[in-house]
């Protein structure tokens, strides 16, 4: 047992503050840069205090359109990314929980074979099967569509495995009691399994939302129109090899806006996220 002395407490807090400064300072510096003009950013050193261009820079980026990406606004890119991230997170959870439910609670031929086939797909990420997947999207005319962004990557063997392992911990007596009370498969799933799985669902939602939000390779391939750009693709297109050709103040604004939704999801669902990862009382 570690003795909790005042000196140890002070050292622990100093280390914690130092860690926070190391992590937070680049974000703060990005915010400061987002409130200055392009000329100020290109003329070092950059001030450590926010400038007077906050409203102008943020309104220009959000609603005015950016030249290097065809006049598309950051608001449009944020909307595209939000739709994609929500679609991936919700789609993965729905497919995975239904797959795990069928594998655990139903008896049918080759049940475990299907499970292992799902599990093997962990070795085949989108990057490995990128060409055939893209060919399917072209044949189905899903290029430059939200469906094309979402559908190819909503299957998740990891989430299926996690739900399966959780369902295996549910006592058989609970299943028998539900059957005696006349609960059919759908009612058992809706009234018993879903409430018991809500912490797991919340934890997976946070992870999968951030996974969808930060996707780069697949949106780069499946979108040709600037109007369908996600925020990550937009940021890449906004940066030129020459500093003078890059609107760095708008790049910094876009970077700040890009991290807001994931932070909000983590903060708002932090309690459920932690419980879903560490709670053992099912």
Protein backbone atom coordinates (compact mmCIF):
# COMPACT_ATOMS: atom_id res chain seq x y z
CA UNK A 1 0.00 0.00 0.00
CA UNK A 2 1.42 3.41 -1.02
CA UNK A 3 1.46 5.95 1.78
CA UNK A 4 -0.41 9.11 0.88
CA UNK A 5 1.87 11.88 2.18
CA UNK A 6 1.59 15.62 1.36
CA UNK A 7 4.84 15.50 -0.61
CA UNK A 8 3.65 12.59 -2.74
CA UNK A 9 0.33 14.36 -3.34
CA UNK A 10 2.08 17.56 -4.48
CA UNK A 11 4.41 15.64 -6.81
CA UNK A 12 1.51 13.67 -8.26
CA UNK A 13 -0.46 16.86 -8.95
CA UNK A 14 2.57 18.58 -10.49
CA UNK A 15 3.12 15.64 -12.83
CA UNK A 16 -0.58 15.65 -13.72
CA UNK A 17 -0.53 19.38 -14.49
CA UNK A 18 2.64 18.94 -16.55
CA UNK A 19 1.02 16.14 -18.55
CA UNK A 20 -2.07 18.28 -19.17
CA UNK A 21 0.09 21.19 -20.37
CA UNK A 22 2.03 18.97 -22.76
CA UNK A 23 -1.19 17.59 -24.25
CA UNK A 24 -3.26 20.80 -24.20
CA UNK A 25 -0.70 23.38 -25.33
CA UNK A 26 -0.71 22.37 -29.04
CA UNK A 27 -4.51 22.54 -29.03
CA UNK A 28 -4.40 25.97 -27.36
CA UNK A 29 -1.78 27.16 -29.87
CA UNK A 30 -4.00 25.98 -32.72
CA UNK A 31 -6.91 27.92 -31.23
CA UNK A 32 -4.75 31.04 -30.92
CA UNK A 33 -3.68 30.72 -34.56
CA UNK A 34 -7.33 30.36 -35.59
CA UNK A 35 -8.08 33.83 -34.19
CA UNK A 36 -5.33 35.69 -36.08
CA UNK A 37 -5.01 36.81 -39.68
CA UNK A 38 -3.00 34.91 -42.27
CA UNK A 39 -0.34 37.63 -42.29
CA UNK A 40 0.17 37.30 -38.54
CA UNK A 41 0.56 33.53 -38.79
CA UNK A 42 3.11 33.80 -41.62
CA UNK A 43 5.12 36.39 -39.70
CA UNK A 44 6.67 34.55 -36.71
CA UNK A 45 6.64 34.41 -33.81
CA UNK A 46 2.95 33.73 -33.38
CA UNK A 47 1.46 35.52 -30.34
CA UNK A 48 0.49 33.40 -27.35
CA UNK A 49 -2.76 35.30 -26.82
CA UNK A 50 -5.91 35.07 -29.00
CA UNK A 51 -6.36 37.69 -31.68
CA UNK A 52 -9.31 39.77 -32.84
CA UNK A 53 -10.32 37.67 -35.87
CA UNK A 54 -12.27 34.97 -34.03
CA UNK A 55 -15.73 35.80 -35.38
CA UNK A 56 -14.48 36.67 -38.85
CA UNK A 57 -12.35 33.55 -39.29
CA UNK A 58 -14.90 31.12 -37.90
CA UNK A 59 -17.83 32.58 -39.82
CA UNK A 60 -15.79 32.56 -43.06
CA UNK A 61 -14.81 28.92 -42.60
CA UNK A 62 -18.23 27.72 -41.48
CA UNK A 63 -20.42 29.52 -43.98
CA UNK A 64 -18.28 31.36 -46.54
CA UNK A 65 -16.62 28.49 -48.35
CA UNK A 66 -12.95 27.74 -48.89
CA UNK A 67 -11.35 28.20 -52.29
CA UNK A 68 -8.94 25.28 -52.24
CA UNK A 69 -11.80 22.81 -51.81
CA UNK A 70 -14.11 24.24 -54.43
CA UNK A 71 -15.85 26.79 -52.23
CA UNK A 72 -17.30 24.14 -49.92
CA UNK A 73 -17.89 25.34 -46.36
CA UNK A 74 -16.64 23.64 -43.22
CA UNK A 75 -20.26 23.28 -42.11
CA UNK A 76 -20.91 21.02 -45.11
CA UNK A 77 -17.86 18.90 -44.35
CA UNK A 78 -18.85 18.64 -40.70
CA UNK A 79 -22.31 17.48 -41.73
CA UNK A 80 -20.88 14.85 -44.09
CA UNK A 81 -18.53 13.57 -41.42
CA UNK A 82 -21.27 13.49 -38.78
CA UNK A 83 -23.58 11.48 -41.03
CA UNK A 84 -20.75 9.07 -41.85
CA UNK A 85 -19.60 8.66 -38.22
CA UNK A 86 -23.14 8.15 -36.90
CA UNK A 87 -23.98 5.75 -39.71
CA UNK A 88 -20.86 3.67 -39.08
CA UNK A 89 -21.32 3.61 -35.30
CA UNK A 90 -25.04 2.79 -35.34
CA UNK A 91 -24.71 0.35 -38.26
CA UNK A 92 -21.85 -1.57 -36.65
CA UNK A 93 -23.71 -1.82 -33.33
CA UNK A 94 -26.99 -2.96 -34.90
CA UNK A 95 -25.39 -5.59 -37.13
CA UNK A 96 -23.04 -6.82 -34.39
CA UNK A 97 -25.63 -7.15 -31.64
CA UNK A 98 -28.04 -8.99 -33.93
CA UNK A 99 -25.28 -11.31 -35.13
CA UNK A 100 -24.15 -12.06 -31.58
CA UNK A 101 -27.78 -12.64 -30.51
CA UNK A 102 -28.32 -15.17 -33.29
CA UNK A 103 -25.05 -16.99 -32.59
CA UNK A 104 -25.59 -17.28 -28.82
CA UNK A 105 -29.32 -17.87 -28.42
CA UNK A 106 -30.31 -19.76 -31.57
CA UNK A 107 -29.37 -23.28 -32.59
CA UNK A 108 -28.90 -23.84 -36.31
CA UNK A 109 -26.47 -25.80 -38.52
CA UNK A 110 -22.94 -24.39 -38.87
CA UNK A 111 -23.62 -21.80 -36.18
CA UNK A 112 -20.01 -21.71 -34.94
CA UNK A 113 -18.71 -21.89 -38.50
CA UNK A 114 -20.47 -18.65 -39.27
CA UNK A 115 -19.08 -17.11 -36.10
CA UNK A 116 -15.51 -18.02 -37.02
CA UNK A 117 -16.05 -16.73 -40.55
CA UNK A 118 -17.07 -13.40 -39.01
CA UNK A 119 -14.08 -13.52 -36.69
CA UNK A 120 -11.67 -14.19 -39.55
CA UNK A 121 -12.70 -10.90 -41.19
CA UNK A 122 -10.57 -9.18 -38.52
CA UNK A 123 -7.66 -10.12 -40.77
CA UNK A 124 -9.30 -8.42 -43.76
CA UNK A 125 -9.67 -4.71 -43.01
CA UNK A 126 -10.94 -2.28 -45.62
CA UNK A 127 -7.37 -1.50 -46.72
CA UNK A 128 -6.82 -5.15 -47.73
CA UNK A 129 -10.05 -5.51 -49.73
CA UNK A 130 -10.10 -1.94 -51.02
CA UNK A 131 -10.15 -2.72 -54.76
CA UNK A 132 -13.04 -5.23 -54.84
CA UNK A 133 -15.00 -3.07 -52.41
CA UNK A 134 -14.53 -0.02 -54.60
CA UNK A 135 -15.56 -2.03 -57.68
CA UNK A 136 -18.79 -3.04 -55.93
CA UNK A 137 -19.53 0.59 -55.04
CA UNK A 138 -18.98 1.62 -58.67
CA UNK A 139 -21.26 -1.14 -59.96
CA UNK A 140 -23.98 -0.14 -57.49
CA UNK A 141 -23.59 3.57 -58.37
CA UNK A 142 -22.80 4.46 -54.75
CA UNK A 143 -19.83 6.74 -55.46
CA UNK A 144 -20.35 10.21 -53.91
CA UNK A 145 -23.20 9.01 -51.69
CA UNK A 146 -23.61 8.59 -47.95
CA UNK A 147 -24.43 4.93 -48.50
CA UNK A 148 -21.10 4.47 -50.28
CA UNK A 149 -19.30 6.08 -47.36
CA UNK A 150 -21.02 3.98 -44.70
CA UNK A 151 -22.08 0.54 -45.93
CA UNK A 152 -18.68 -1.01 -46.79
CA UNK A 153 -17.30 -0.49 -43.28
CA UNK A 154 -20.28 -1.07 -40.97
CA UNK A 155 -19.57 -4.76 -40.43
CA UNK A 156 -17.52 -5.28 -37.26
CA UNK A 157 -16.14 -8.62 -36.10
CA UNK A 158 -14.74 -6.97 -32.96
CA UNK A 159 -18.12 -5.66 -31.82
CA UNK A 160 -19.74 -9.02 -32.62
CA UNK A 161 -17.15 -10.79 -30.48
CA UNK A 162 -17.66 -8.38 -27.57
CA UNK A 163 -21.45 -8.76 -27.64
CA UNK A 164 -21.13 -12.53 -27.92
CA UNK A 165 -18.85 -12.71 -24.89
CA UNK A 166 -21.30 -10.58 -22.90
CA UNK A 167 -24.33 -12.64 -23.95
CA UNK A 168 -22.54 -15.81 -22.83
CA UNK A 169 -22.48 -14.41 -19.28
CA UNK A 170 -26.28 -14.16 -19.13
CA UNK A 171 -27.63 -17.01 -16.94
CA UNK A 172 -29.60 -19.71 -18.67
CA UNK A 173 -32.24 -19.39 -15.94
CA UNK A 174 -33.05 -15.91 -17.23
CA UNK A 175 -33.66 -17.28 -20.71
CA UNK A 176 -35.85 -20.06 -19.32
CA UNK A 177 -37.82 -17.62 -17.17
CA UNK A 178 -38.50 -15.42 -20.19
CA UNK A 179 -39.63 -18.45 -22.19
CA UNK A 180 -41.99 -19.56 -19.39
CA UNK A 181 -43.47 -16.06 -19.25
CA UNK A 182 -44.27 -16.35 -22.94
CA UNK A 183 -41.60 -13.97 -24.23
CA UNK A 184 -40.73 -14.64 -27.84
CA UNK A 185 -37.29 -14.05 -29.37
CA UNK A 186 -38.02 -10.44 -30.29
CA UNK A 187 -39.47 -9.55 -26.90
CA UNK A 188 -36.60 -11.25 -25.07
CA UNK A 189 -34.14 -9.26 -27.17
CA UNK A 190 -35.98 -5.94 -26.74
CA UNK A 191 -37.00 -6.14 -23.09
CA UNK A 192 -34.09 -8.05 -21.57
CA UNK A 193 -30.96 -8.08 -23.71
CA UNK A 194 -31.01 -4.46 -24.87
CA UNK A 195 -31.40 -2.97 -21.35
CA UNK A 196 -28.63 -5.23 -20.07
CA UNK A 197 -26.38 -4.25 -22.97
CA UNK A 198 -26.78 -0.46 -22.77
CA UNK A 199 -23.39 0.18 -21.14
CA UNK A 200 -21.65 -2.01 -23.71
CA UNK A 201 -23.51 -0.23 -26.48
CA UNK A 202 -22.50 3.18 -25.11
CA UNK A 203 -18.83 2.22 -24.84
CA UNK A 204 -18.79 0.82 -28.36
CA UNK A 205 -20.64 3.86 -29.71
CA UNK A 206 -17.93 6.21 -28.46
CA UNK A 207 -15.15 4.09 -29.93
CA UNK A 208 -16.91 3.51 -33.26
CA UNK A 209 -18.00 7.15 -33.63
CA UNK A 210 -14.39 8.32 -33.31
CA UNK A 211 -13.33 5.52 -35.67
CA UNK A 212 -15.82 6.75 -38.27
CA UNK A 213 -14.96 10.41 -37.69
CA UNK A 214 -11.25 9.88 -38.41
CA UNK A 215 -11.64 7.74 -41.54
CA UNK A 216 -9.37 8.91 -44.35
CA UNK A 217 -8.57 6.28 -46.99
CA UNK A 218 -12.08 5.08 -47.81
CA UNK A 219 -13.70 8.56 -48.03
CA UNK A 220 -10.77 9.65 -50.20
CA UNK A 221 -11.52 6.87 -52.70
CA UNK A 222 -15.30 6.82 -52.70
CA UNK A 223 -15.90 10.58 -53.02
CA UNK A 224 -15.02 12.67 -56.07
CA UNK A 225 -17.21 15.71 -55.46
CA UNK A 226 -16.00 18.42 -53.08
CA UNK A 227 -19.53 18.60 -51.69
CA UNK A 228 -19.08 15.10 -50.25
CA UNK A 229 -15.73 15.77 -48.58
CA UNK A 230 -15.37 14.75 -44.96
CA UNK A 231 -13.52 17.01 -42.55
CA UNK A 232 -10.31 14.96 -42.68
CA UNK A 233 -10.23 15.01 -46.49
CA UNK A 234 -11.02 18.73 -46.48
CA UNK A 235 -8.13 19.47 -44.15
CA UNK A 236 -5.73 17.58 -46.40
CA UNK A 237 -6.92 19.46 -49.49
CA UNK A 238 -6.65 22.83 -47.75
CA UNK A 239 -2.91 22.44 -47.13
CA UNK A 240 -0.56 23.26 -50.00
CA UNK A 241 3.17 22.60 -50.32
CA UNK A 242 3.72 26.35 -50.34
CA UNK A 243 2.89 28.22 -47.15
CA UNK A 244 1.82 31.30 -49.09
CA UNK A 245 -0.85 29.29 -50.95
CA UNK A 246 -2.34 27.86 -47.75
CA UNK A 247 -4.95 29.80 -45.80
CA UNK A 248 -3.47 28.76 -42.46
CA UNK A 249 -5.96 30.72 -40.38
CA UNK A 250 -8.81 28.77 -41.98
CA UNK A 251 -6.88 25.50 -41.62
CA UNK A 252 -6.55 26.19 -37.90
CA UNK A 253 -10.25 27.02 -37.65
CA UNK A 254 -11.14 23.77 -39.43
CA UNK A 255 -8.80 21.81 -37.14
CA UNK A 256 -10.49 23.24 -34.05
CA UNK A 257 -13.98 22.56 -35.39
CA UNK A 258 -12.97 19.02 -36.39
CA UNK A 259 -12.17 18.01 -32.80
CA UNK A 260 -15.31 19.46 -31.22
CA UNK A 261 -17.84 16.68 -32.05
CA UNK A 262 -15.60 13.78 -30.87
CA UNK A 263 -14.83 15.67 -27.67
CA UNK A 264 -18.54 16.30 -27.07
CA UNK A 265 -19.35 12.61 -27.61
CA UNK A 266 -16.64 11.52 -25.16
CA UNK A 267 -17.60 14.11 -22.53
CA UNK A 268 -21.35 13.51 -22.75
CA UNK A 269 -21.02 9.72 -22.71
CA UNK A 270 -18.00 9.45 -20.41
CA UNK A 271 -19.91 7.84 -17.55
CA UNK A 272 -21.48 5.20 -19.77
CA UNK A 273 -18.21 4.66 -21.61
CA UNK A 274 -16.29 3.91 -18.41
CA UNK A 275 -19.04 1.68 -17.06
CA UNK A 276 -19.18 -0.26 -20.30
CA UNK A 277 -15.45 -0.98 -20.10
CA UNK A 278 -15.02 -1.75 -16.39
CA UNK A 279 -18.44 -2.64 -14.98
CA UNK A 280 -18.64 -6.32 -14.07
CA UNK A 281 -22.11 -6.28 -12.54
CA UNK A 282 -24.37 -7.51 -15.27
